[in-house]
Every structure is written in structure tokens, then in C-alpha cells.
Amino acid sequence: MTKFEPPIPILRSFDEKATKDFYIDFLGFEIEFEHRLEPSTPLYFGVRKGDCVLHISEHYGDSAPGASIRITVEDVRAYCKILNDKGYMYARPGVQRQSWGEDEMPISDPSGNRIIFCTPT
């Protein structure tokens, strides 16, 4: 049988600095790679935090802005505290308990993509 790996979402970006500030400095991801066809062309890069991998692209057509993704984390309440302790200027996330048995923390990135960090309760 063919083995399937977890999908890698591609999220749209419009501002390299703001996007890196958000994913690297605020959320705590690490850059895995960066690629440009030429120095003045759009950036395509990959980030990772633990087993979670995301690709982020400035290329028109790679992804629509405003996408939503869900990322399961071990303890979303602890992660929320870590993020809020950083005092990031553009987000003060909170956690909500959902009736379907998850705690969720939604955050929007600088390009309007919605990331929902969640922990089963």
C-alpha cells in the first residue's frame, strides 16, 4: 500500500519582513529553506516547529490569501501564554473551549491567513 505523509499547506504572503516577524519571532517557527528564482523575485520559504511544516509563498497563484488551517498542539493554553508574554504588537490571542471537545486559539497572520491552534480536551 502507498504511504501518505501529512500535507504541507502553502500560505500566501505579501510582506516578507512582517511574515517572518510573525512566524519566526512571534510563533517560534524556524526557517527550513528559502528560494528565489532571482534576487528581485518573490520569496518561497519553508518553516517548521516540531513536526509542523508550512510553506509560505509570495508567488501569485500559489495560494489564495485568507486560507484557514488547523494545527494541533499539546497544550494550546500554555502556548497562548508564551505568545502573549512576548507582547507582539499585532496579536493578543485567546483560547476558547469548543463544544466539540477542543480548546482553540485562532490567530491571523499579516496576510490574512487564519491559523487555528487546537488541543483536544
PDB file of N, CA and C in Angstrom:
ATOM      1  N   MET A   1       0.840  -1.183   0.000  1.00  0.00           N
ATOM      2  CA  MET A   1       0.000   0.000   0.000  1.00  0.00           C
ATOM      3  C   MET A   1       0.885   1.246   0.000  1.00  0.00           C
ATOM      4  N   THR A   2       0.439   2.288  -0.663  1.00  0.00           N
ATOM      5  CA  THR A   2       1.170   3.546  -0.740  1.00  0.00           C
ATOM      6  C   THR A   2       1.051   4.295   0.570  1.00  0.00           C
ATOM      7  N   LYS A   3       2.195   4.761   1.083  1.00  0.00           N
ATOM      8  CA  LYS A   3       2.216   5.529   2.326  1.00  0.00           C
ATOM      9  C   LYS A   3       1.994   7.005   2.013  1.00  0.00           C
ATOM     10  N   PHE A   4       1.139   7.636   2.798  1.00  0.00           N
ATOM     11  CA  PHE A   4       0.883   9.064   2.661  1.00  0.00           C
ATOM     12  C   PHE A   4       1.529   9.805   3.818  1.00  0.00           C
ATOM     13  N   GLU A   5       2.140  10.932   3.519  1.00  0.00           N
ATOM     14  CA  GLU A   5       2.709  11.828   4.519  1.00  0.00           C
ATOM     15  C   GLU A   5       1.705  12.939   4.808  1.00  0.00           C
ATOM     16  N   PRO A   6       1.846  13.621   5.952  1.00  0.00           N
ATOM     17  CA  PRO A   6       0.949  14.754   6.216  1.00  0.00           C
ATOM     18  C   PRO A   6       1.095  15.825   5.137  1.00  0.00           C
ATOM     19  N   PRO A   7       0.022  16.505   4.789  1.00  0.00           N
ATOM     20  CA  PRO A   7       0.117  17.578   3.788  1.00  0.00           C
ATOM     21  C   PRO A   7       0.937  18.754   4.323  1.00  0.00           C
ATOM     22  N   ILE A   8       1.484  19.517   3.404  1.00  0.00           N
ATOM     23  CA  ILE A   8       2.198  20.743   3.762  1.00  0.00           C
ATOM     24  C   ILE A   8       1.420  21.910   3.159  1.00  0.00           C
ATOM     25  N   PRO A   9       0.722  22.678   3.995  1.00  0.00           N
ATOM     26  CA  PRO A   9      -0.023  23.830   3.467  1.00  0.00           C
ATOM     27  C   PRO A   9       0.918  24.884   2.896  1.00  0.00           C
ATOM     28  N   ILE A  10       0.457  25.549   1.853  1.00  0.00           N
ATOM     29  CA  ILE A  10       1.163  26.704   1.290  1.00  0.00           C
ATOM     30  C   ILE A  10       0.298  27.924   1.592  1.00  0.00           C
ATOM     31  N   LEU A  11       0.866  28.876   2.312  1.00  0.00           N
ATOM     32  CA  LEU A  11       0.148  30.093   2.691  1.00  0.00           C
ATOM     33  C   LEU A  11       0.704  31.276   1.907  1.00  0.00           C
ATOM     34  N   ARG A  12      -0.150  32.177   1.524  1.00  0.00           N
ATOM     35  CA  ARG A  12       0.237  33.358   0.751  1.00  0.00           C
ATOM     36  C   ARG A  12       0.823  34.418   1.674  1.00  0.00           C
ATOM     37  N   SER A  13       1.821  35.119   1.162  1.00  0.00           N
ATOM     38  CA  SER A  13       2.465  36.211   1.886  1.00  0.00           C
ATOM     39  C   SER A  13       2.583  37.416   0.963  1.00  0.00           C
ATOM     40  N   PHE A  14       2.435  38.606   1.553  1.00  0.00           N
ATOM     41  CA  PHE A  14       2.585  39.843   0.788  1.00  0.00           C
ATOM     42  C   PHE A  14       3.716  40.720   1.304  1.00  0.00           C
ATOM     43  N   ASP A  15       4.266  40.403   2.465  1.00  0.00           N
ATOM     44  CA  ASP A  15       5.277  41.251   3.096  1.00  0.00           C
ATOM     45  C   ASP A  15       6.277  40.353   3.812  1.00  0.00           C
ATOM     46  N   GLU A  16       7.448  40.187   3.216  1.00  0.00           N
ATOM     47  CA  GLU A  16       8.456  39.266   3.757  1.00  0.00           C
ATOM     48  C   GLU A  16       8.817  39.570   5.206  1.00  0.00           C
ATOM     49  N   LYS A  17       9.086  40.822   5.522  1.00  0.00           N
ATOM     50  CA  LYS A  17       9.508  41.158   6.885  1.00  0.00           C
ATOM     51  C   LYS A  17       8.393  40.877   7.896  1.00  0.00           C
ATOM     52  N   ALA A  18       7.184  41.352   7.611  1.00  0.00           N
ATOM     53  CA  ALA A  18       6.072  41.136   8.539  1.00  0.00           C
ATOM     54  C   ALA A  18       5.775  39.645   8.707  1.00  0.00           C
ATOM     55  N   THR A  19       5.863  38.892   7.619  1.00  0.00           N
ATOM     56  CA  THR A  19       5.598  37.452   7.670  1.00  0.00           C
ATOM     57  C   THR A  19       6.652  36.741   8.509  1.00  0.00           C
ATOM     58  N   LYS A  20       7.913  37.067   8.312  1.00  0.00           N
ATOM     59  CA  LYS A  20       8.976  36.439   9.110  1.00  0.00           C
ATOM     60  C   LYS A  20       8.874  36.856  10.574  1.00  0.00           C
ATOM     61  N   ASP A  21       8.568  38.119  10.840  1.00  0.00           N
ATOM     62  CA  ASP A  21       8.378  38.560  12.227  1.00  0.00           C
ATOM     63  C   ASP A  21       7.291  37.726  12.903  1.00  0.00           C
ATOM     64  N   PHE A  22       6.201  37.470  12.177  1.00  0.00           N
ATOM     65  CA  PHE A  22       5.076  36.723  12.726  1.00  0.00           C
ATOM     66  C   PHE A  22       5.432  35.249  12.958  1.00  0.00           C
ATOM     67  N   TYR A  23       5.885  34.574  11.919  1.00  0.00           N
ATOM     68  CA  TYR A  23       6.119  33.130  12.022  1.00  0.00           C
ATOM     69  C   TYR A  23       7.380  32.773  12.822  1.00  0.00           C
ATOM     70  N   ILE A  24       8.425  33.553  12.670  1.00  0.00           N
ATOM     71  CA  ILE A  24       9.693  33.222  13.334  1.00  0.00           C
ATOM     72  C   ILE A  24       9.745  33.831  14.739  1.00  0.00           C
ATOM     73  N   ASP A  25       9.651  35.150  14.819  1.00  0.00           N
ATOM     74  CA  ASP A  25       9.822  35.829  16.105  1.00  0.00           C
ATOM     75  C   ASP A  25       8.633  35.615  17.050  1.00  0.00           C
ATOM     76  N   PHE A  26       7.411  35.659  16.515  1.00  0.00           N
ATOM     77  CA  PHE A  26       6.231  35.536  17.369  1.00  0.00           C
ATOM     78  C   PHE A  26       5.835  34.079  17.604  1.00  0.00           C
ATOM     79  N   LEU A  27       5.543  33.332  16.553  1.00  0.00           N
ATOM     80  CA  LEU A  27       5.072  31.955  16.734  1.00  0.00           C
ATOM     81  C   LEU A  27       6.183  30.969  17.083  1.00  0.00           C
ATOM     82  N   GLY A  28       7.431  31.311  16.788  1.00  0.00           N
ATOM     83  CA  GLY A  28       8.551  30.448  17.169  1.00  0.00           C
ATOM     84  C   GLY A  28       8.914  29.368  16.169  1.00  0.00           C
ATOM     85  N   PHE A  29       8.497  29.518  14.917  1.00  0.00           N
ATOM     86  CA  PHE A  29       8.909  28.580  13.876  1.00  0.00           C
ATOM     87  C   PHE A  29      10.355  28.870  13.481  1.00  0.00           C
ATOM     88  N   GLU A  30      10.994  27.912  12.817  1.00  0.00           N
ATOM     89  CA  GLU A  30      12.352  28.085  12.290  1.00  0.00           C
ATOM     90  C   GLU A  30      12.300  27.980  10.772  1.00  0.00           C
ATOM     91  N   ILE A  31      13.130  28.753  10.103  1.00  0.00           N
ATOM     92  CA  ILE A  31      13.202  28.679   8.646  1.00  0.00           C
ATOM     93  C   ILE A  31      13.946  27.407   8.250  1.00  0.00           C
ATOM     94  N   GLU A  32      13.335  26.611   7.366  1.00  0.00           N
ATOM     95  CA  GLU A  32      13.972  25.407   6.828  1.00  0.00           C
ATOM     96  C   GLU A  32      14.722  25.709   5.541  1.00  0.00           C
ATOM     97  N   PHE A  33      14.130  26.542   4.684  1.00  0.00           N
ATOM     98  CA  PHE A  33      14.767  26.889   3.413  1.00  0.00           C
ATOM     99  C   PHE A  33      14.147  28.175   2.893  1.00  0.00           C
ATOM    100  N   GLU A  34      14.860  28.831   1.994  1.00  0.00           N
ATOM    101  CA  GLU A  34      14.365  29.998   1.277  1.00  0.00           C
ATOM    102  C   GLU A  34      14.757  29.840  -0.181  1.00  0.00           C
ATOM    103  N   HIS A  35      13.848  30.227  -1.093  1.00  0.00           N
ATOM    104  CA  HIS A  35      14.142  30.095  -2.517  1.00  0.00           C
ATOM    105  C   HIS A  35      13.579  31.283  -3.289  1.00  0.00           C
ATOM    106  N   ARG A  36      14.428  31.821  -4.157  1.00  0.00           N
ATOM    107  CA  ARG A  36      14.028  32.852  -5.125  1.00  0.00           C
ATOM    108  C   ARG A  36      14.619  32.436  -6.468  1.00  0.00           C
ATOM    109  N   LEU A  37      13.873  32.659  -7.540  1.00  0.00           N
ATOM    110  CA  LEU A  37      14.415  32.364  -8.868  1.00  0.00           C
ATOM    111  C   LEU A  37      15.567  33.305  -9.200  1.00  0.00           C
ATOM    112  N   GLU A  38      15.430  34.549  -8.779  1.00  0.00           N
ATOM    113  CA  GLU A  38      16.461  35.580  -8.944  1.00  0.00           C
ATOM    114  C   GLU A  38      16.357  36.508  -7.746  1.00  0.00           C
ATOM    115  N   PRO A  39      17.385  37.321  -7.460  1.00  0.00           N
ATOM    116  CA  PRO A  39      17.353  38.172  -6.265  1.00  0.00           C
ATOM    117  C   PRO A  39      16.133  39.083  -6.140  1.00  0.00           C
ATOM    118  N   SER A  40      15.582  39.562  -7.236  1.00  0.00           N
ATOM    119  CA  SER A  40      14.459  40.509  -7.148  1.00  0.00           C
ATOM    120  C   SER A  40      13.096  39.834  -7.341  1.00  0.00           C
ATOM    121  N   THR A  41      13.029  38.519  -7.250  1.00  0.00           N
ATOM    122  CA  THR A  41      11.767  37.820  -7.459  1.00  0.00           C
ATOM    123  C   THR A  41      11.140  37.425  -6.124  1.00  0.00           C
ATOM    124  N   PRO A  42       9.861  37.024  -6.150  1.00  0.00           N
ATOM    125  CA  PRO A  42       9.169  36.671  -4.907  1.00  0.00           C
ATOM    126  C   PRO A  42       9.844  35.527  -4.153  1.00  0.00           C
ATOM    127  N   LEU A  43       9.663  35.551  -2.848  1.00  0.00           N
ATOM    128  CA  LEU A  43      10.247  34.544  -1.957  1.00  0.00           C
ATOM    129  C   LEU A  43       9.288  33.378  -1.751  1.00  0.00           C
ATOM    130  N   TYR A  44       9.835  32.175  -1.749  1.00  0.00           N
ATOM    131  CA  TYR A  44       9.118  30.955  -1.348  1.00  0.00           C
ATOM    132  C   TYR A  44       9.973  30.338  -0.257  1.00  0.00           C
ATOM    133  N   PHE A  45       9.388  30.119   0.935  1.00  0.00           N
ATOM    134  CA  PHE A  45      10.206  29.554   2.008  1.00  0.00           C
ATOM    135  C   PHE A  45       9.400  28.592   2.860  1.00  0.00           C
ATOM    136  N   GLY A  46      10.120  27.756   3.572  1.00  0.00           N
ATOM    137  CA  GLY A  46       9.504  26.774   4.449  1.00  0.00           C
ATOM    138  C   GLY A  46       9.881  27.036   5.889  1.00  0.00           C
ATOM    139  N   VAL A  47       8.907  26.812   6.786  1.00  0.00           N
ATOM    140  CA  VAL A  47       9.148  26.948   8.220  1.00  0.00           C
ATOM    141  C   VAL A  47       8.713  25.662   8.918  1.00  0.00           C
ATOM    142  N   ARG A  48       9.277  25.446  10.095  1.00  0.00           N
ATOM    143  CA  ARG A  48       8.981  24.250  10.873  1.00  0.00           C
ATOM    144  C   ARG A  48       8.973  24.580  12.352  1.00  0.00           C
ATOM    145  N   LYS A  49       8.058  23.935  13.064  1.00  0.00           N
ATOM    146  CA  LYS A  49       8.036  23.950  14.528  1.00  0.00           C
ATOM    147  C   LYS A  49       7.655  22.532  14.929  1.00  0.00           C
ATOM    148  N   GLY A  50       8.614  21.789  15.471  1.00  0.00           N
ATOM    149  CA  GLY A  50       8.379  20.383  15.767  1.00  0.00           C
ATOM    150  C   GLY A  50       8.101  19.633  14.478  1.00  0.00           C
ATOM    151  N   ASP A  51       7.005  18.877  14.444  1.00  0.00           N
ATOM    152  CA  ASP A  51       6.625  18.130  13.243  1.00  0.00           C
ATOM    153  C   ASP A  51       5.763  18.940  12.286  1.00  0.00           C
ATOM    154  N   CYS A  52       5.424  20.162  12.648  1.00  0.00           N
ATOM    155  CA  CYS A  52       4.564  21.012  11.821  1.00  0.00           C
ATOM    156  C   CYS A  52       5.420  21.748  10.782  1.00  0.00           C
ATOM    157  N   VAL A  53       5.085  21.562   9.512  1.00  0.00           N
ATOM    158  CA  VAL A  53       5.796  22.207   8.409  1.00  0.00           C
ATOM    159  C   VAL A  53       4.802  23.039   7.605  1.00  0.00           C
ATOM    160  N   LEU A  54       5.180  24.273   7.307  1.00  0.00           N
ATOM    161  CA  LEU A  54       4.387  25.161   6.465  1.00  0.00           C
ATOM    162  C   LEU A  54       5.280  25.723   5.373  1.00  0.00           C
ATOM    163  N   HIS A  55       4.717  25.942   4.199  1.00  0.00           N
ATOM    164  CA  HIS A  55       5.402  26.669   3.143  1.00  0.00           C
ATOM    165  C   HIS A  55       4.677  27.997   2.966  1.00  0.00           C
ATOM    166  N   ILE A  56       5.455  29.037   2.709  1.00  0.00           N
ATOM    167  CA  ILE A  56       4.909  30.386   2.599  1.00  0.00           C
ATOM    168  C   ILE A  56       5.427  30.987   1.301  1.00  0.00           C
ATOM    169  N   SER A  57       4.522  31.538   0.507  1.00  0.00           N
ATOM    170  CA  SER A  57       4.885  31.978  -0.833  1.00  0.00           C
ATOM    171  C   SER A  57       4.391  33.388  -1.129  1.00  0.00           C
ATOM    172  N   GLU A  58       5.273  34.161  -1.761  1.00  0.00           N
ATOM    173  CA  GLU A  58       4.891  35.470  -2.291  1.00  0.00           C
ATOM    174  C   GLU A  58       4.463  35.369  -3.761  1.00  0.00           C
ATOM    175  N   HIS A  59       4.524  34.180  -4.339  1.00  0.00           N
ATOM    176  CA  HIS A  59       4.196  33.990  -5.745  1.00  0.00           C
ATOM    177  C   HIS A  59       2.688  34.052  -5.975  1.00  0.00           C
ATOM    178  N   TYR A  60       2.284  34.886  -6.912  1.00  0.00           N
ATOM    179  CA  TYR A  60       0.877  34.984  -7.298  1.00  0.00           C
ATOM    180  C   TYR A  60       0.408  33.614  -7.792  1.00  0.00           C
ATOM    181  N   GLY A  61      -0.731  33.159  -7.285  1.00  0.00           N
ATOM    182  CA  GLY A  61      -1.304  31.900  -7.736  1.00  0.00           C
ATOM    183  C   GLY A  61      -0.912  30.686  -6.923  1.00  0.00           C
ATOM    184  N   ASP A  62       0.078  30.786  -6.051  1.00  0.00           N
ATOM    185  CA  ASP A  62       0.450  29.627  -5.237  1.00  0.00           C
ATOM    186  C   ASP A  62      -0.603  29.309  -4.188  1.00  0.00           C
ATOM    187  N   SER A  63      -1.260  30.325  -3.688  1.00  0.00           N
ATOM    188  CA  SER A  63      -2.281  30.136  -2.666  1.00  0.00           C
ATOM    189  C   SER A  63      -3.120  31.397  -2.595  1.00  0.00           C
ATOM    190  N   ALA A  64      -4.362  31.228  -2.199  1.00  0.00           N
ATOM    191  CA  ALA A  64      -5.234  32.385  -2.047  1.00  0.00           C
ATOM    192  C   ALA A  64      -5.067  32.973  -0.656  1.00  0.00           C
ATOM    193  N   PRO A  65      -4.983  34.293  -0.530  1.00  0.00           N
ATOM    194  CA  PRO A  65      -4.920  34.880   0.802  1.00  0.00           C
ATOM    195  C   PRO A  65      -6.212  34.589   1.552  1.00  0.00           C
ATOM    196  N   GLY A  66      -6.113  34.494   2.851  1.00  0.00           N
ATOM    197  CA  GLY A  66      -7.291  34.246   3.661  1.00  0.00           C
ATOM    198  C   GLY A  66      -7.578  32.774   3.894  1.00  0.00           C
ATOM    199  N   ALA A  67      -6.604  31.921   3.668  1.00  0.00           N
ATOM    200  CA  ALA A  67      -6.775  30.489   3.927  1.00  0.00           C
ATOM    201  C   ALA A  67      -6.893  30.253   5.433  1.00  0.00           C
ATOM    202  N   SER A  68      -7.464  29.111   5.798  1.00  0.00           N
ATOM    203  CA  SER A  68      -7.535  28.693   7.203  1.00  0.00           C
ATOM    204  C   SER A  68      -6.913  27.315   7.338  1.00  0.00           C
ATOM    205  N   ILE A  69      -6.083  27.150   8.360  1.00  0.00           N
ATOM    206  CA  ILE A  69      -5.508  25.841   8.654  1.00  0.00           C
ATOM    207  C   ILE A  69      -5.625  25.582  10.151  1.00  0.00           C
ATOM    208  N   ARG A  70      -5.636  24.305  10.519  1.00  0.00           N
ATOM    209  CA  ARG A  70      -5.678  23.894  11.925  1.00  0.00           C
ATOM    210  C   ARG A  70      -4.374  23.177  12.253  1.00  0.00           C
ATOM    211  N   ILE A  71      -3.809  23.527  13.401  1.00  0.00           N
ATOM    212  CA  ILE A  71      -2.581  22.891  13.867  1.00  0.00           C
ATOM    213  C   ILE A  71      -2.833  22.401  15.291  1.00  0.00           C
ATOM    214  N   THR A  72      -2.738  21.096  15.491  1.00  0.00           N
ATOM    215  CA  THR A  72      -2.913  20.520  16.821  1.00  0.00           C
ATOM    216  C   THR A  72      -1.621  20.673  17.610  1.00  0.00           C
ATOM    217  N   VAL A  73      -1.739  21.196  18.829  1.00  0.00           N
ATOM    218  CA  VAL A  73      -0.597  21.360  19.727  1.00  0.00           C
ATOM    219  C   VAL A  73      -0.907  20.653  21.049  1.00  0.00           C
ATOM    220  N   GLU A  74       0.146  20.300  21.773  1.00  0.00           N
ATOM    221  CA  GLU A  74      -0.025  19.555  23.013  1.00  0.00           C
ATOM    222  C   GLU A  74      -0.827  20.322  24.061  1.00  0.00           C
ATOM    223  N   ASP A  75      -0.520  21.619  24.227  1.00  0.00           N
ATOM    224  CA  ASP A  75      -1.187  22.432  25.249  1.00  0.00           C
ATOM    225  C   ASP A  75      -1.374  23.850  24.713  1.00  0.00           C
ATOM    226  N   VAL A  76      -2.512  24.093  24.097  1.00  0.00           N
ATOM    227  CA  VAL A  76      -2.751  25.384  23.467  1.00  0.00           C
ATOM    228  C   VAL A  76      -2.812  26.518  24.490  1.00  0.00           C
ATOM    229  N   ARG A  77      -3.256  26.229  25.696  1.00  0.00           N
ATOM    230  CA  ARG A  77      -3.310  27.287  26.725  1.00  0.00           C
ATOM    231  C   ARG A  77      -1.903  27.736  27.124  1.00  0.00           C
ATOM    232  N   ALA A  78      -0.981  26.799  27.271  1.00  0.00           N
ATOM    233  CA  ALA A  78       0.407  27.149  27.596  1.00  0.00           C
ATOM    234  C   ALA A  78       1.048  27.915  26.439  1.00  0.00           C
ATOM    235  N   TYR A  79       0.784  27.479  25.203  1.00  0.00           N
ATOM    236  CA  TYR A  79       1.322  28.164  24.030  1.00  0.00           C
ATOM    237  C   TYR A  79       0.767  29.584  23.943  1.00  0.00           C
ATOM    238  N   CYS A  80      -0.515  29.751  24.233  1.00  0.00           N
ATOM    239  CA  CYS A  80      -1.134  31.074  24.228  1.00  0.00           C
ATOM    240  C   CYS A  80      -0.432  32.004  25.225  1.00  0.00           C
ATOM    241  N   LYS A  81      -0.133  31.504  26.399  1.00  0.00           N
ATOM    242  CA  LYS A  81       0.557  32.311  27.409  1.00  0.00           C
ATOM    243  C   LYS A  81       1.939  32.736  26.913  1.00  0.00           C
ATOM    244  N   ILE A  82       2.673  31.793  26.319  1.00  0.00           N
ATOM    245  CA  ILE A  82       4.003  32.103  25.775  1.00  0.00           C
ATOM    246  C   ILE A  82       3.895  33.227  24.743  1.00  0.00           C
ATOM    247  N   LEU A  83       2.924  33.111  23.857  1.00  0.00           N
ATOM    248  CA  LEU A  83       2.762  34.136  22.811  1.00  0.00           C
ATOM    249  C   LEU A  83       2.390  35.489  23.405  1.00  0.00           C
ATOM    250  N   ASN A  84       1.451  35.519  24.324  1.00  0.00           N
ATOM    251  CA  ASN A  84       1.037  36.797  24.912  1.00  0.00           C
ATOM    252  C   ASN A  84       2.139  37.422  25.754  1.00  0.00           C
ATOM    253  N   ASP A  85       2.985  36.610  26.377  1.00  0.00           N
ATOM    254  CA  ASP A  85       4.113  37.140  27.155  1.00  0.00           C
ATOM    255  C   ASP A  85       5.122  37.862  26.267  1.00  0.00           C
ATOM    256  N   LYS A  86       5.124  37.583  24.965  1.00  0.00           N
ATOM    257  CA  LYS A  86       6.049  38.249  24.041  1.00  0.00           C
ATOM    258  C   LYS A  86       5.632  39.685  23.754  1.00  0.00           C
ATOM    259  N   GLY A  87       4.362  40.027  23.996  1.00  0.00           N
ATOM    260  CA  GLY A  87       3.903  41.390  23.751  1.00  0.00           C
ATOM    261  C   GLY A  87       3.927  41.778  22.280  1.00  0.00           C
ATOM    262  N   TYR A  88       3.633  40.834  21.392  1.00  0.00           N
ATOM    263  CA  TYR A  88       3.600  41.108  19.952  1.00  0.00           C
ATOM    264  C   TYR A  88       2.571  42.197  19.665  1.00  0.00           C
ATOM    265  N   MET A  89       2.972  43.180  18.907  1.00  0.00           N
ATOM    266  CA  MET A  89       2.158  44.366  18.676  1.00  0.00           C
ATOM    267  C   MET A  89       0.830  44.083  17.966  1.00  0.00           C
ATOM    268  N   TYR A  90       0.781  43.048  17.120  1.00  0.00           N
ATOM    269  CA  TYR A  90      -0.375  42.866  16.243  1.00  0.00           C
ATOM    270  C   TYR A  90      -1.297  41.713  16.630  1.00  0.00           C
ATOM    271  N   ALA A  91      -1.076  41.074  17.763  1.00  0.00           N
ATOM    272  CA  ALA A  91      -1.971  39.975  18.160  1.00  0.00           C
ATOM    273  C   ALA A  91      -1.913  39.752  19.660  1.00  0.00           C
ATOM    274  N   ARG A  92      -3.065  39.531  20.235  1.00  0.00           N
ATOM    275  CA  ARG A  92      -3.216  39.119  21.629  1.00  0.00           C
ATOM    276  C   ARG A  92      -4.191  37.939  21.628  1.00  0.00           C
ATOM    277  N   PRO A  93      -3.695  36.748  21.277  1.00  0.00           N
ATOM    278  CA  PRO A  93      -4.608  35.609  21.126  1.00  0.00           C
ATOM    279  C   PRO A  93      -5.227  35.167  22.450  1.00  0.00           C
ATOM    280  N   GLY A  94      -6.360  34.507  22.322  1.00  0.00           N
ATOM    281  CA  GLY A  94      -7.057  33.919  23.452  1.00  0.00           C
ATOM    282  C   GLY A  94      -7.508  32.516  23.093  1.00  0.00           C
ATOM    283  N   VAL A  95      -7.862  31.738  24.093  1.00  0.00           N
ATOM    284  CA  VAL A  95      -8.285  30.359  23.890  1.00  0.00           C
ATOM    285  C   VAL A  95      -9.762  30.232  24.248  1.00  0.00           C
ATOM    286  N   GLN A  96     -10.491  29.513  23.402  1.00  0.00           N
ATOM    287  CA  GLN A  96     -11.904  29.235  23.669  1.00  0.00           C
ATOM    288  C   GLN A  96     -12.117  27.726  23.703  1.00  0.00           C
ATOM    289  N   ARG A  97     -12.916  27.276  24.647  1.00  0.00           N
ATOM    290  CA  ARG A  97     -13.321  25.867  24.695  1.00  0.00           C
ATOM    291  C   ARG A  97     -14.499  25.686  23.749  1.00  0.00           C
ATOM    292  N   GLN A  98     -14.384  24.718  22.843  1.00  0.00           N
ATOM    293  CA  GLN A  98     -15.443  24.453  21.874  1.00  0.00           C
ATOM    294  C   GLN A  98     -16.282  23.252  22.314  1.00  0.00           C
ATOM    295  N   SER A  99     -17.550  23.260  21.958  1.00  0.00           N
ATOM    296  CA  SER A  99     -18.477  22.204  22.372  1.00  0.00           C
ATOM    297  C   SER A  99     -18.118  20.850  21.770  1.00  0.00           C
ATOM    298  N   TRP A 100     -17.333  20.823  20.709  1.00  0.00           N
ATOM    299  CA  TRP A 100     -16.958  19.549  20.084  1.00  0.00           C
ATOM    300  C   TRP A 100     -15.711  18.930  20.703  1.00  0.00           C
ATOM    301  N   GLY A 101     -15.224  19.519  21.802  1.00  0.00           N
ATOM    302  CA  GLY A 101     -14.151  18.891  22.559  1.00  0.00           C
ATOM    303  C   GLY A 101     -12.754  19.349  22.234  1.00  0.00           C
ATOM    304  N   GLU A 102     -12.601  20.627  21.919  1.00  0.00           N
ATOM    305  CA  GLU A 102     -11.273  21.179  21.685  1.00  0.00           C
ATOM    306  C   GLU A 102     -11.172  22.565  22.292  1.00  0.00           C
ATOM    307  N   ASP A 103      -9.962  22.902  22.733  1.00  0.00           N
ATOM    308  CA  ASP A 103      -9.624  24.285  23.050  1.00  0.00           C
ATOM    309  C   ASP A 103      -8.962  24.854  21.805  1.00  0.00           C
ATOM    310  N   GLU A 104      -9.398  26.041  21.377  1.00  0.00           N
ATOM    311  CA  GLU A 104      -8.888  26.635  20.144  1.00  0.00           C
ATOM    312  C   GLU A 104      -8.353  28.044  20.371  1.00  0.00           C
ATOM    313  N   MET A 105      -7.279  28.356  19.650  1.00  0.00           N
ATOM    314  CA  MET A 105      -6.686  29.679  19.661  1.00  0.00           C
ATOM    315  C   MET A 105      -6.493  30.126  18.209  1.00  0.00           C
ATOM    316  N   PRO A 106      -7.428  30.922  17.671  1.00  0.00           N
ATOM    317  CA  PRO A 106      -7.259  31.415  16.298  1.00  0.00           C
ATOM    318  C   PRO A 106      -6.374  32.664  16.261  1.00  0.00           C
ATOM    319  N   ILE A 107      -5.525  32.724  15.246  1.00  0.00           N
ATOM    320  CA  ILE A 107      -4.660  33.890  15.023  1.00  0.00           C
ATOM    321  C   ILE A 107      -4.592  34.117  13.521  1.00  0.00           C
ATOM    322  N   SER A 108      -4.635  35.376  13.099  1.00  0.00           N
ATOM    323  CA  SER A 108      -4.456  35.705  11.685  1.00  0.00           C
ATOM    324  C   SER A 108      -3.053  36.241  11.460  1.00  0.00           C
ATOM    325  N   ASP A 109      -2.430  35.778  10.366  1.00  0.00           N
ATOM    326  CA  ASP A 109      -1.091  36.264  10.038  1.00  0.00           C
ATOM    327  C   ASP A 109      -1.192  37.592   9.293  1.00  0.00           C
ATOM    328  N   PRO A 110      -0.068  38.251   8.977  1.00  0.00           N
ATOM    329  CA  PRO A 110      -0.114  39.564   8.332  1.00  0.00           C
ATOM    330  C   PRO A 110      -0.786  39.579   6.954  1.00  0.00           C
ATOM    331  N   SER A 111      -0.925  38.412   6.318  1.00  0.00           N
ATOM    332  CA  SER A 111      -1.568  38.345   5.006  1.00  0.00           C
ATOM    333  C   SER A 111      -3.014  37.891   5.082  1.00  0.00           C
ATOM    334  N   GLY A 112      -3.543  37.766   6.296  1.00  0.00           N
ATOM    335  CA  GLY A 112      -4.941  37.404   6.469  1.00  0.00           C
ATOM    336  C   GLY A 112      -5.222  35.911   6.512  1.00  0.00           C
ATOM    337  N   ASN A 113      -4.181  35.090   6.541  1.00  0.00           N
ATOM    338  CA  ASN A 113      -4.384  33.658   6.701  1.00  0.00           C
ATOM    339  C   ASN A 113      -4.720  33.375   8.158  1.00  0.00           C
ATOM    340  N   ARG A 114      -5.669  32.481   8.378  1.00  0.00           N
ATOM    341  CA  ARG A 114      -6.121  32.165   9.737  1.00  0.00           C
ATOM    342  C   ARG A 114      -5.531  30.834  10.176  1.00  0.00           C
ATOM    343  N   ILE A 115      -4.846  30.854  11.307  1.00  0.00           N
ATOM    344  CA  ILE A 115      -4.267  29.643  11.876  1.00  0.00           C
ATOM    345  C   ILE A 115      -5.016  29.362  13.169  1.00  0.00           C
ATOM    346  N   ILE A 116      -5.554  28.165  13.274  1.00  0.00           N
ATOM    347  CA  ILE A 116      -6.274  27.772  14.486  1.00  0.00           C
ATOM    348  C   ILE A 116      -5.452  26.711  15.195  1.00  0.00           C
ATOM    349  N   PHE A 117      -4.812  27.107  16.271  1.00  0.00           N
ATOM    350  CA  PHE A 117      -4.068  26.145  17.093  1.00  0.00           C
ATOM    351  C   PHE A 117      -5.085  25.501  18.015  1.00  0.00           C
ATOM    352  N   CYS A 118      -5.027  24.179  18.160  1.00  0.00           N
ATOM    353  CA  CYS A 118      -6.047  23.491  18.955  1.00  0.00           C
ATOM    354  C   CYS A 118      -5.465  22.327  19.737  1.00  0.00           C
ATOM    355  N   THR A 119      -6.140  22.024  20.848  1.00  0.00           N
ATOM    356  CA  THR A 119      -5.807  20.891  21.710  1.00  0.00           C
ATOM    357  C   THR A 119      -7.095  20.164  22.065  1.00  0.00           C
ATOM    358  N   PRO A 120      -7.157  18.859  21.802  1.00  0.00           N
ATOM    359  CA  PRO A 120      -8.339  18.094  22.239  1.00  0.00           C
ATOM    360  C   PRO A 120      -8.473  18.155  23.766  1.00  0.00           C
ATOM    361  N   THR A 121      -9.732  18.245  24.237  1.00  0.00           N
ATOM    362  CA  THR A 121      -9.950  18.312  25.689  1.00  0.00           C
ATOM    363  C   THR A 121     -10.398  16.954  26.209  1.00  0.00           C
TER     364      THR A 121
END
